[in-house]
C-alpha atoms as a PDB file:
ATOM      1  CA  MET A   1      16.830   7.672  78.648  1.00  0.00           C
ATOM      2  CA  LYS A   2      17.319   8.632  74.720  1.00  0.00           C
ATOM      3  CA  LYS A   3      14.852   6.615  72.342  1.00  0.00           C
ATOM      4  CA  ASN A   4      16.246   4.824  69.347  1.00  0.00           C
ATOM      5  CA  THR A   5      14.738   6.491  66.271  1.00  0.00           C
ATOM      6  CA  ILE A   6      13.654   3.921  63.551  1.00  0.00           C
ATOM      7  CA  LEU A   7      14.702   5.206  59.833  1.00  0.00           C
ATOM      8  CA  ALA A   8      14.116   3.839  56.458  1.00  0.00           C
ATOM      9  CA  PRO A   9      16.855   1.716  55.593  1.00  0.00           C
ATOM     10  CA  GLU A  10      18.537   4.119  53.032  1.00  0.00           C
ATOM     11  CA  THR A  11      20.236   1.006  51.048  1.00  0.00           C
ATOM     12  CA  ASP A  12      16.534  -0.402  50.170  1.00  0.00           C
ATOM     13  CA  LEU A  13      15.626   3.281  48.692  1.00  0.00           C
ATOM     14  CA  ASP A  14      19.268   3.409  47.012  1.00  0.00           C
ATOM     15  CA  ALA A  15      18.852  -0.432  45.380  1.00  0.00           C
ATOM     16  CA  ARG A  16      15.527   1.240  44.003  1.00  0.00           C
ATOM     17  CA  THR A  17      17.149   4.017  42.872  1.00  0.00           C
ATOM     18  CA  GLN A  18      20.104   2.129  41.429  1.00  0.00           C
ATOM     19  CA  CYS A  19      17.468  -0.728  39.424  1.00  0.00           C
ATOM     20  CA  VAL A  20      15.584   2.338  38.115  1.00  0.00           C
ATOM     21  CA  GLN A  21      18.811   3.585  36.498  1.00  0.00           C
ATOM     22  CA  ALA A  22      20.031   0.554  35.501  1.00  0.00           C
ATOM     23  CA  ASN A  23      16.342   0.370  33.564  1.00  0.00           C
ATOM     24  CA  LEU A  24      16.633   3.295  32.082  1.00  0.00           C
ATOM     25  CA  GLN A  25      19.981   2.611  30.967  1.00  0.00           C
ATOM     26  CA  MET A  26      18.599  -0.339  29.532  1.00  0.00           C
ATOM     27  CA  MET A  27      16.284   1.320  27.247  1.00  0.00           C
ATOM     28  CA  HIS A  28      18.588   3.909  26.152  1.00  0.00           C
ATOM     29  CA  ALA A  29      21.033   1.057  24.875  1.00  0.00           C
ATOM     30  CA  TYR A  30      17.780  -0.782  23.262  1.00  0.00           C
ATOM     31  CA  PHE A  31      16.923   2.757  21.266  1.00  0.00           C
ATOM     32  CA  ASP A  32      20.933   3.037  19.985  1.00  0.00           C
ATOM     33  CA  ALA A  33      21.280  -0.338  19.273  1.00  0.00           C
ATOM     34  CA  LEU A  34      17.848  -0.131  16.694  1.00  0.00           C
ATOM     35  CA  PHE A  35      18.927  -0.343  12.991  1.00  0.00           C
ATOM     36  CA  THR A  36      23.022  -0.465  13.587  1.00  0.00           C
ATOM     37  CA  LYS A  37      24.704  -2.691  11.491  1.00  0.00           C
ATOM     38  CA  ASP A  38      25.535  -5.201  14.820  1.00  0.00           C
ATOM     39  CA  MET A  39      22.486  -6.776  16.446  1.00  0.00           C
ATOM     40  CA  SER A  40      24.312  -8.013  18.976  1.00  0.00           C
ATOM     41  CA  PRO A  41      24.322  -5.203  21.571  1.00  0.00           C
ATOM     42  CA  MET A  42      20.573  -5.216  21.198  1.00  0.00           C
ATOM     43  CA  LEU A  43      20.434  -9.156  21.594  1.00  0.00           C
ATOM     44  CA  GLU A  44      22.402  -9.169  24.757  1.00  0.00           C
ATOM     45  CA  LEU A  45      19.914  -7.284  26.410  1.00  0.00           C
ATOM     46  CA  PHE A  46      17.305 -10.140  26.272  1.00  0.00           C
ATOM     47  CA  ASP A  47      16.568 -13.006  28.262  1.00  0.00           C
ATOM     48  CA  GLN A  48      17.027 -16.173  26.104  1.00  0.00           C
ATOM     49  CA  ASP A  49      13.594 -17.252  26.760  1.00  0.00           C
ATOM     50  CA  ILE A  50      11.865 -14.002  25.656  1.00  0.00           C
ATOM     51  CA  GLU A  51       8.175 -13.524  24.309  1.00  0.00           C
ATOM     52  CA  TRP A  52       7.583 -10.955  22.208  1.00  0.00           C
ATOM     53  CA  LEU A  53       3.676 -10.028  21.097  1.00  0.00           C
ATOM     54  CA  ILE A  54       3.235  -7.671  18.021  1.00  0.00           C
ATOM     55  CA  VAL A  55      -0.020  -6.761  19.099  1.00  0.00           C
ATOM     56  CA  PRO A  56      -1.450  -5.282  15.784  1.00  0.00           C
ATOM     57  CA  THR A  57      -0.932  -8.805  14.420  1.00  0.00           C
ATOM     58  CA  GLY A  58      -1.350 -10.825  17.604  1.00  0.00           C
ATOM     59  CA  ASP A  59       1.974 -12.627  16.541  1.00  0.00           C
ATOM     60  CA  THR A  60       4.118 -13.787  19.353  1.00  0.00           C
ATOM     61  CA  ILE A  61       7.727 -14.714  18.404  1.00  0.00           C
ATOM     62  CA  LYS A  62       9.654 -16.881  21.409  1.00  0.00           C
ATOM     63  CA  GLY A  63      13.152 -16.818  21.970  1.00  0.00           C
ATOM     64  CA  LYS A  64      16.322 -14.721  20.815  1.00  0.00           C
ATOM     65  CA  ASP A  65      16.638 -16.705  18.235  1.00  0.00           C
ATOM     66  CA  GLU A  66      13.485 -16.381  16.708  1.00  0.00           C
ATOM     67  CA  ILE A  67      13.480 -12.628  17.389  1.00  0.00           C
ATOM     68  CA  ALA A  68      17.121 -11.917  15.565  1.00  0.00           C
ATOM     69  CA  LYS A  69      15.739 -13.806  12.239  1.00  0.00           C
ATOM     70  CA  LEU A  70      12.823 -11.526  12.190  1.00  0.00           C
ATOM     71  CA  ALA A  71      14.867  -8.211  13.227  1.00  0.00           C
ATOM     72  CA  ALA A  72      17.284  -9.049  10.835  1.00  0.00           C
ATOM     73  CA  ASN A  73      14.124  -9.472   8.177  1.00  0.00           C
ATOM     74  CA  HIS A  74      12.745  -5.658   8.999  1.00  0.00           C
ATOM     75  CA  TRP A  75      16.087  -4.091   8.872  1.00  0.00           C
ATOM     76  CA  ALA A  76      17.171  -5.027   5.764  1.00  0.00           C
ATOM     77  CA  ALA A  77      14.012  -4.087   4.728  1.00  0.00           C
ATOM     78  CA  SER A  78      14.637  -0.509   5.071  1.00  0.00           C
ATOM     79  CA  PRO A  79      17.978   0.058   5.054  1.00  0.00           C
ATOM     80  CA  GLY A  80      19.077   3.458   6.425  1.00  0.00           C
ATOM     81  CA  ARG A  81      15.638   3.918   8.627  1.00  0.00           C
ATOM     82  CA  ILE A  82      15.666   6.598  10.519  1.00  0.00           C
ATOM     83  CA  LYS A  83      14.622   6.597  14.242  1.00  0.00           C
ATOM     84  CA  THR A  84      13.600   9.554  16.641  1.00  0.00           C
ATOM     85  CA  LEU A  85      13.250   9.032  20.473  1.00  0.00           C
ATOM     86  CA  VAL A  86       9.620  10.279  21.505  1.00  0.00           C
ATOM     87  CA  ASN A  87       9.908   9.099  25.490  1.00  0.00           C
ATOM     88  CA  LEU A  88      11.439   6.982  27.216  1.00  0.00           C
ATOM     89  CA  PHE A  89      10.986   5.879  31.271  1.00  0.00           C
ATOM     90  CA  ALA A  90      11.530   2.611  33.503  1.00  0.00           C
ATOM     91  CA  ASN A  91      10.699   1.909  37.103  1.00  0.00           C
ATOM     92  CA  GLU A  92      12.151  -1.580  38.563  1.00  0.00           C
ATOM     93  CA  GLU A  93      10.392  -3.395  36.789  1.00  0.00           C
ATOM     94  CA  TYR A  94       9.226  -2.123  33.414  1.00  0.00           C
ATOM     95  CA  GLY A  95      10.333   0.073  31.095  1.00  0.00           C
ATOM     96  CA  SER A  96       8.544   1.824  28.090  1.00  0.00           C
ATOM     97  CA  LEU A  97      10.043   2.705  24.719  1.00  0.00           C
ATOM     98  CA  GLU A  98       8.210   5.254  22.301  1.00  0.00           C
ATOM     99  CA  TYR A  99      10.186   6.490  18.990  1.00  0.00           C
ATOM    100  CA  ARG A 100       9.337   7.803  15.460  1.00  0.00           C
ATOM    101  CA  THR A 101      10.464   5.614  13.011  1.00  0.00           C
ATOM    102  CA  SER A 102      10.702   6.400   9.048  1.00  0.00           C
ATOM    103  CA  GLY A 103      12.146   5.219   6.055  1.00  0.00           C
ATOM    104  CA  THR A 104      11.429   3.134   2.865  1.00  0.00           C
ATOM    105  CA  LEU A 105      10.157  -0.302   2.061  1.00  0.00           C
ATOM    106  CA  THR A 106      12.880  -1.460  -0.358  1.00  0.00           C
ATOM    107  CA  ASN A 107      12.844  -5.348   0.583  1.00  0.00           C
ATOM    108  CA  GLN A 108      10.025  -7.419   1.653  1.00  0.00           C
ATOM    109  CA  ALA A 109       9.204  -7.365   5.703  1.00  0.00           C
ATOM    110  CA  ASP A 110       7.800 -10.360   7.119  1.00  0.00           C
ATOM    111  CA  PHE A 111       5.679 -10.776  10.286  1.00  0.00           C
ATOM    112  CA  PRO A 112       4.474 -14.155  11.318  1.00  0.00           C
ATOM    113  CA  SER A 113       1.047 -13.566   9.952  1.00  0.00           C
ATOM    114  CA  VAL A 114       1.422 -10.443   7.229  1.00  0.00           C
ATOM    115  CA  LYS A 115       3.964  -9.929   5.079  1.00  0.00           C
ATOM    116  CA  PHE A 116       4.927  -6.273   2.957  1.00  0.00           C
ATOM    117  CA  GLU A 117       5.749  -6.191  -0.667  1.00  0.00           C
ATOM    118  CA  PRO A 118       8.635  -3.904  -1.063  1.00  0.00           C
ATOM    119  CA  THR A 119       6.543  -0.922  -2.767  1.00  0.00           C
ATOM    120  CA  GLY A 120       9.551   1.662  -2.292  1.00  0.00           C
ATOM    121  CA  GLN A 121       6.681   3.757  -0.448  1.00  0.00           C
ATOM    122  CA  LYS A 122       8.065   5.632   2.298  1.00  0.00           C
ATOM    123  CA  TYR A 123       6.531   5.283   5.757  1.00  0.00           C
ATOM    124  CA  ASP A 124       6.577   7.720   9.162  1.00  0.00           C
ATOM    125  CA  PHE A 125       4.975   6.428  12.355  1.00  0.00           C
ATOM    126  CA  VAL A 126       5.360   6.157  15.954  1.00  0.00           C
ATOM    127  CA  CYS A 127       5.380   3.004  18.190  1.00  0.00           C
ATOM    128  CA  CYS A 128       5.366   1.915  21.465  1.00  0.00           C
ATOM    129  CA  PHE A 129       7.243  -0.701  23.290  1.00  0.00           C
ATOM    130  CA  VAL A 130       6.414  -2.308  26.972  1.00  0.00           C
ATOM    131  CA  PHE A 131       8.864  -4.163  28.271  1.00  0.00           C
ATOM    132  CA  HIS A 132       9.265  -6.347  31.115  1.00  0.00           C
ATOM    133  CA  ILE A 133      12.436  -6.642  33.224  1.00  0.00           C
ATOM    134  CA  ARG A 134      13.819  -9.550  35.258  1.00  0.00           C
ATOM    135  CA  ASN A 135      17.012  -9.987  36.599  1.00  0.00           C
ATOM    136  CA  GLY A 136      18.513  -7.436  34.501  1.00  0.00           C
ATOM    137  CA  LYS A 137      17.201  -8.513  31.038  1.00  0.00           C
ATOM    138  CA  ILE A 138      14.090  -8.061  28.870  1.00  0.00           C
ATOM    139  CA  ASP A 139      11.811 -11.234  29.053  1.00  0.00           C
ATOM    140  CA  ARG A 140       8.600 -10.123  27.878  1.00  0.00           C
ATOM    141  CA  VAL A 141       7.768  -7.117  25.219  1.00  0.00           C
ATOM    142  CA  HIS A 142       4.395  -5.587  24.208  1.00  0.00           C
ATOM    143  CA  GLU A 143       4.750  -3.699  20.551  1.00  0.00           C
ATOM    144  CA  TYR A 144       2.100  -1.457  19.254  1.00  0.00           C
ATOM    145  CA  PHE A 145       1.630   0.713  16.302  1.00  0.00           C
ATOM    146  CA  ASP A 146      -1.366   1.248  13.901  1.00  0.00           C
ATOM    147  CA  MET A 147      -1.648  -1.341  10.916  1.00  0.00           C
ATOM    148  CA  ASP A 148      -4.087   0.690   9.041  1.00  0.00           C
ATOM    149  CA  THR A 149      -1.607   3.482   9.268  1.00  0.00           C
ATOM    150  CA  VAL A 150       1.354   1.431   8.208  1.00  0.00           C
ATOM    151  CA  LYS A 151      -0.524  -0.343   5.366  1.00  0.00           C
ATOM    152  CA  ARG A 152      -1.636   3.045   4.376  1.00  0.00           C
ATOM    153  CA  GLN A 153       1.356   4.642   3.505  1.00  0.00           C
ATOM    154  CA  LEU A 154       3.341   1.717   2.238  1.00  0.00           C
ATOM    155  CA  GLY A 155       0.511   1.184  -0.271  1.00  0.00           C
ATOM    156  CA  THR A 156      -0.948  -2.109   0.947  1.00  0.00           C
ATOM    157  CA  GLU A 157      -4.397  -1.643   2.265  1.00  0.00           C
ATOM    158  CA  ASP A 158      -6.711  -4.300   1.644  1.00  0.00           C
ATOM    159  CA  THR A 159      -6.707  -4.521  -1.728  1.00  0.00           C
ATOM    160  CA  GLN A 160     -10.085  -5.786  -2.158  1.00  0.00           C
ATOM    161  CA  HIS A 161     -11.531  -2.801  -0.956  1.00  0.00           C
ATOM    162  CA  ASP A 162      -8.963  -0.620  -3.083  1.00  0.00           C
ATOM    163  CA  THR A 163     -10.227  -2.087  -6.039  1.00  0.00           C
ATOM    164  CA  GLU A 164     -13.485  -1.671  -5.529  1.00  0.00           C
ATOM    165  CA  SER A 165     -13.087   1.766  -4.690  1.00  0.00           C
ATOM    166  CA  PHE A 166     -11.409   2.211  -7.875  1.00  0.00           C
ATOM    167  CA  ALA A 167     -14.038   0.563 -10.047  1.00  0.00           C
ATOM    168  CA  GLN A 168     -16.628   3.218  -8.508  1.00  0.00           C
ATOM    169  CA  LYS A 169     -14.475   6.032  -9.522  1.00  0.00           C
ATOM    170  CA  PHE A 170     -13.450   4.696 -12.741  1.00  0.00           C
ATOM    171  CA  LYS A 171     -17.501   4.265 -13.658  1.00  0.00           C
ATOM    172  CA  LYS A 172     -18.150   7.756 -12.323  1.00  0.00           C
ATOM    173  CA  ILE A 173     -15.372   9.126 -14.673  1.00  0.00           C
ATOM    174  CA  TYR A 174     -15.203   6.892 -17.757  1.00  0.00           C
ATOM    175  CA  LEU A 175     -19.106   6.436 -18.223  1.00  0.00           C
ATOM    176  CA  GLY A 176     -18.948  10.405 -17.843  1.00  0.00           C
ATOM    177  CA  ASP A 177     -17.052  11.432 -21.035  1.00  0.00           C
ATOM    178  CA  ASP A 178     -14.666  12.869 -17.738  1.00  0.00           C
ATOM    179  CA  LEU A 179     -11.130  12.514 -19.751  1.00  0.00           C
ATOM    180  CA  ASP A 180      -9.289  14.735 -17.527  1.00  0.00           C
ATOM    181  CA  GLY A 181     -10.453  12.350 -14.632  1.00  0.00           C
ATOM    182  CA  PHE A 182      -9.501   9.085 -16.499  1.00  0.00           C
ATOM    183  CA  MET A 183      -6.319  10.750 -16.914  1.00  0.00           C
ATOM    184  CA  GLN A 184      -6.299  10.745 -13.431  1.00  0.00           C
ATOM    185  CA  LEU A 185      -6.318   6.939 -12.970  1.00  0.00           C
ATOM    186  CA  VAL A 186      -3.417   5.734 -15.443  1.00  0.00           C
ATOM    187  CA  ASP A 187      -0.312   5.190 -14.015  1.00  0.00           C
ATOM    188  CA  LYS A 188       2.656   5.940 -16.462  1.00  0.00           C
ATOM    189  CA  ASP A 189       3.664   3.051 -17.489  1.00  0.00           C
ATOM    190  CA  ALA A 190       0.598   2.001 -18.266  1.00  0.00           C
ATOM    191  CA  VAL A 191      -0.360   0.185 -21.511  1.00  0.00           C
ATOM    192  CA  TRP A 192      -3.780   0.239 -23.045  1.00  0.00           C
ATOM    193  CA  SER A 193      -4.380  -2.641 -25.715  1.00  0.00           C
ATOM    194  CA  PHE A 194      -7.228  -2.361 -28.038  1.00  0.00           C
ATOM    195  CA  MET A 195      -7.495  -6.456 -28.842  1.00  0.00           C
ATOM    196  CA  ALA A 196     -10.135  -5.779 -31.980  1.00  0.00           C
ATOM    197  CA  THR A 197      -6.593  -4.892 -34.041  1.00  0.00           C
ATOM    198  CA  GLY A 198      -3.546  -5.428 -31.588  1.00  0.00           C
ATOM    199  CA  GLU A 199      -3.186  -1.801 -31.457  1.00  0.00           C
ATOM    200  CA  LYS A 200      -1.061  -0.731 -28.235  1.00  0.00           C
ATOM    201  CA  PHE A 201      -1.000   2.789 -26.502  1.00  0.00           C
ATOM    202  CA  SER A 202       1.845   3.098 -23.847  1.00  0.00           C
ATOM    203  CA  GLY A 203       2.384   5.895 -21.172  1.00  0.00           C
ATOM    204  CA  ILE A 204       0.285   8.943 -20.500  1.00  0.00           C
ATOM    205  CA  ASP A 205       0.610  10.916 -23.853  1.00  0.00           C
ATOM    206  CA  GLU A 206      -0.172   7.887 -26.111  1.00  0.00           C
ATOM    207  CA  ILE A 207      -3.590   7.675 -23.783  1.00  0.00           C
ATOM    208  CA  ARG A 208      -4.584  10.816 -23.510  1.00  0.00           C
ATOM    209  CA  LYS A 209      -4.547  11.138 -27.431  1.00  0.00           C
ATOM    210  CA  ALA A 210      -5.865   7.814 -28.210  1.00  0.00           C
ATOM    211  CA  GLY A 211      -8.848   8.756 -25.670  1.00  0.00           C
ATOM    212  CA  GLU A 212      -9.133  12.277 -27.431  1.00  0.00           C
ATOM    213  CA  LYS A 213      -9.688  10.411 -30.628  1.00  0.00           C
ATOM    214  CA  ALA A 214     -11.624   7.756 -29.355  1.00  0.00           C
ATOM    215  CA  MET A 215     -14.066  10.429 -27.920  1.00  0.00           C
ATOM    216  CA  ALA A 216     -14.064  12.319 -31.167  1.00  0.00           C
ATOM    217  CA  GLY A 217     -14.880   9.524 -32.965  1.00  0.00           C
ATOM    218  CA  ARG A 218     -18.470   9.027 -31.487  1.00  0.00           C
ATOM    219  CA  ILE A 219     -21.609  11.712 -30.288  1.00  0.00           C
ATOM    220  CA  HIS A 220     -23.261  11.284 -26.762  1.00  0.00           C
ATOM    221  CA  THR A 221     -26.798  12.176 -26.310  1.00  0.00           C
ATOM    222  CA  LYS A 222     -29.351  12.176 -23.421  1.00  0.00           C
ATOM    223  CA  ASP A 223     -30.394   8.815 -24.778  1.00  0.00           C
ATOM    224  CA  LEU A 224     -26.896   7.855 -26.301  1.00  0.00           C
ATOM    225  CA  HIS A 225     -24.614   6.949 -24.386  1.00  0.00           C
ATOM    226  CA  MET A 226     -22.427   4.172 -22.335  1.00  0.00           C
ATOM    227  CA  GLU A 227     -24.366   2.126 -20.322  1.00  0.00           C
ATOM    228  CA  LEU A 228     -22.752  -0.087 -17.675  1.00  0.00           C
ATOM    229  CA  THR A 229     -24.275  -3.821 -17.760  1.00  0.00           C
ATOM    230  CA  ASN A 230     -21.862  -5.476 -15.042  1.00  0.00           C
ATOM    231  CA  MET A 231     -18.834  -4.959 -13.264  1.00  0.00           C
ATOM    232  CA  PHE A 232     -17.012  -6.371 -10.136  1.00  0.00           C
ATOM    233  CA  ALA A 233     -13.246  -6.121  -8.938  1.00  0.00           C
ATOM    234  CA  GLY A 234     -10.635  -8.937  -7.598  1.00  0.00           C
ATOM    235  CA  GLU A 235      -7.442  -8.197  -5.265  1.00  0.00           C
ATOM    236  CA  GLU A 236      -5.728  -6.598  -8.266  1.00  0.00           C
ATOM    237  CA  HIS A 237      -7.839  -6.548 -11.094  1.00  0.00           C
ATOM    238  CA  VAL A 238     -10.906  -4.677 -12.357  1.00  0.00           C
ATOM    239  CA  CYS A 239     -13.589  -5.954 -15.145  1.00  0.00           C
ATOM    240  CA  ILE A 240     -16.391  -3.425 -16.331  1.00  0.00           C
ATOM    241  CA  GLU A 241     -18.914  -4.248 -19.444  1.00  0.00           C
ATOM    242  CA  TYR A 242     -21.220  -1.580 -21.237  1.00  0.00           C
ATOM    243  CA  LEU A 243     -23.321  -1.138 -24.403  1.00  0.00           C
ATOM    244  CA  HIS A 244     -21.479   1.541 -25.686  1.00  0.00           C
ATOM    245  CA  ARG A 245     -24.777   3.642 -27.507  1.00  0.00           C
ATOM    246  CA  ALA A 246     -23.705   6.520 -29.483  1.00  0.00           C
ATOM    247  CA  ILE A 247     -24.108   8.762 -32.904  1.00  0.00           C
ATOM    248  CA  MET A 248     -21.191   8.581 -35.772  1.00  0.00           C
ATOM    249  CA  PRO A 249     -20.044  12.355 -36.328  1.00  0.00           C
ATOM    250  CA  GLU A 250     -19.871  13.532 -39.674  1.00  0.00           C
ATOM    251  CA  HIS A 251     -15.763  13.536 -39.720  1.00  0.00           C
ATOM    252  CA  SER A 252     -15.115  10.145 -37.459  1.00  0.00           C
ATOM    253  CA  THR A 253     -11.569   8.944 -36.225  1.00  0.00           C
ATOM    254  CA  ILE A 254     -13.331   5.099 -36.536  1.00  0.00           C
ATOM    255  CA  THR A 255     -12.013   4.131 -39.592  1.00  0.00           C
ATOM    256  CA  GLY A 256     -14.399   2.366 -41.802  1.00  0.00           C
ATOM    257  CA  SER A 257     -17.239   3.704 -39.657  1.00  0.00           C
ATOM    258  CA  PRO A 258     -21.220   3.569 -40.630  1.00  0.00           C
ATOM    259  CA  ALA A 259     -22.483   6.720 -41.948  1.00  0.00           C
ATOM    260  CA  ALA A 260     -22.612  10.314 -40.121  1.00  0.00           C
ATOM    261  CA  GLY A 261     -25.426  10.105 -38.102  1.00  0.00           C
ATOM    262  CA  THR A 262     -25.855   6.450 -37.912  1.00  0.00           C
ATOM    263  CA  GLU A 263     -26.885   5.244 -34.191  1.00  0.00           C
ATOM    264  CA  ILE A 264     -24.474   2.397 -33.028  1.00  0.00           C
ATOM    265  CA  ALA A 265     -24.738  -0.271 -30.237  1.00  0.00           C
ATOM    266  CA  VAL A 266     -21.804  -2.010 -29.270  1.00  0.00           C
ATOM    267  CA  PRO A 267     -20.886  -4.533 -26.461  1.00  0.00           C
ATOM    268  CA  ILE A 268     -17.514  -3.768 -24.906  1.00  0.00           C
ATOM    269  CA  CYS A 269     -15.496  -5.068 -21.963  1.00  0.00           C
ATOM    270  CA  ILE A 270     -12.693  -4.095 -20.535  1.00  0.00           C
ATOM    271  CA  THR A 271     -10.187  -5.389 -17.811  1.00  0.00           C
ATOM    272  CA  MET A 272      -7.582  -3.385 -15.760  1.00  0.00           C
ATOM    273  CA  TYR A 273      -4.761  -4.362 -13.180  1.00  0.00           C
ATOM    274  CA  VAL A 274      -4.635  -1.728 -10.554  1.00  0.00           C
ATOM    275  CA  LYS A 275      -2.304  -0.795  -8.267  1.00  0.00           C
ATOM    276  CA  TYR A 276      -1.924   2.120  -5.948  1.00  0.00           C
ATOM    277  CA  GLY A 277      -4.804   3.470  -7.381  1.00  0.00           C
ATOM    278  CA  LYS A 278      -4.138   3.625 -10.939  1.00  0.00           C
ATOM    279  CA  PHE A 279      -4.721   1.044 -13.878  1.00  0.00           C
ATOM    280  CA  THR A 280      -0.897  -0.098 -15.688  1.00  0.00           C
ATOM    281  CA  THR A 281      -2.851  -2.572 -18.075  1.00  0.00           C
ATOM    282  CA  PHE A 282      -6.141  -1.764 -19.976  1.00  0.00           C
ATOM    283  CA  ASN A 283      -7.343  -4.508 -22.092  1.00  0.00           C
ATOM    284  CA  GLU A 284     -10.574  -3.191 -24.465  1.00  0.00           C
ATOM    285  CA  TYR A 285     -12.110  -5.933 -26.310  1.00  0.00           C
ATOM    286  CA  LEU A 286     -15.336  -5.676 -28.996  1.00  0.00           C
ATOM    287  CA  ASP A 287     -16.089  -6.442 -32.176  1.00  0.00           C
ATOM    288  CA  LEU A 288     -14.880  -4.219 -34.103  1.00  0.00           C
ATOM    289  CA  ALA A 289     -17.465  -5.862 -37.374  1.00  0.00           C
ATOM    290  CA  THR A 290     -20.160  -4.967 -34.812  1.00  0.00           C
ATOM    291  CA  LEU A 291     -19.080  -1.295 -35.563  1.00  0.00           C
ATOM    292  CA  SER A 292     -17.622  -1.214 -38.977  1.00  0.00           C
ATOM    293  CA  GLY A 293     -18.539  -4.210 -40.774  1.00  0.00           C
ATOM    294  CA  VAL A 294     -14.727  -4.631 -41.690  1.00  0.00           C
ATOM    295  CA  LYS A 295     -12.044  -5.431 -39.155  1.00  0.00           C
ATOM    296  CA  GLN A 296      -9.795  -2.339 -39.449  1.00  0.00           C
ATOM    297  CA  HIS A 297      -7.292  -0.642 -37.333  1.00  0.00           C
ATOM    298  CA  LEU A 298      -9.317   1.729 -34.570  1.00  0.00           C
ATOM    299  CA  PHE A 299      -8.307   5.209 -35.663  1.00  0.00           C
ATOM    300  CA  SER A 300      -7.695   6.290 -39.263  1.00  0.00           C
ATOM    301  CA  ASP A 301      -3.918   7.380 -38.481  1.00  0.00           C
ATOM    302  CA  ALA A 302      -3.184   4.658 -36.422  1.00  0.00           C
ATOM    303  CA  LYS A 303      -0.223   2.841 -37.918  1.00  0.00           C
ATOM    304  CA  PRO A 304      -0.499  -1.051 -38.712  1.00  0.00           C
END
């Protein structure tokens, strides 16, 4: 008598294999559709009630229509962005996609809780998406990437922290008479305004010449130098107050200055607008009469 051998149904294994292959094809289709002119192929992969969690921000986008709006904004924020596949795999229920994305932020990119202004900076980072698939559609997505990396590359890190860091660097360089270090903090389009006379010095070359003349117009010693009295930073601005103690040189570059050898003590206030670690405006306030006794131009060869 022959015994019947019970074998695992091949149809079940075939069905699982087909399901995995279909999900893999879906992952490839999603990747191929990214950042193209036609968003329809990507949207066709989504369930109408899809939920998308952006892990770094904690935002959850619900529904295909809302995701379409956000995707359109992000794609337009960086036209021509590049994608490079890193890894892709799936089982019967889940899919995972890792890819590197790079480009330039030329328009505003919005998340529900965070907005990135168009800095014109380049970015290049790796992200990971975990997809849940049901009935042949993606119904849940978890998106992972490092927000600090993105902010650092785009120049949109915590601006309060950035300006405070700039202020500390500026204090050390400026009060230390380090002209080369000072110029490293000057934006190429910066404007230095000397409020007492209305003079303006624009760009790297003019500001360096102004700095050289200012340094030549006084002598610092161990006891007579710039003394910080106050400094604070906002999100985009820095204010510094100091008492400028010095000795006037024999050939001063400051019009109407006291006689050579005279000790001076002039309170000065500077405000700066800071962007990407450099100042774009530098407004200097002092009472010129405190220094010279008359309202004159700061530098002897400056034109009205």
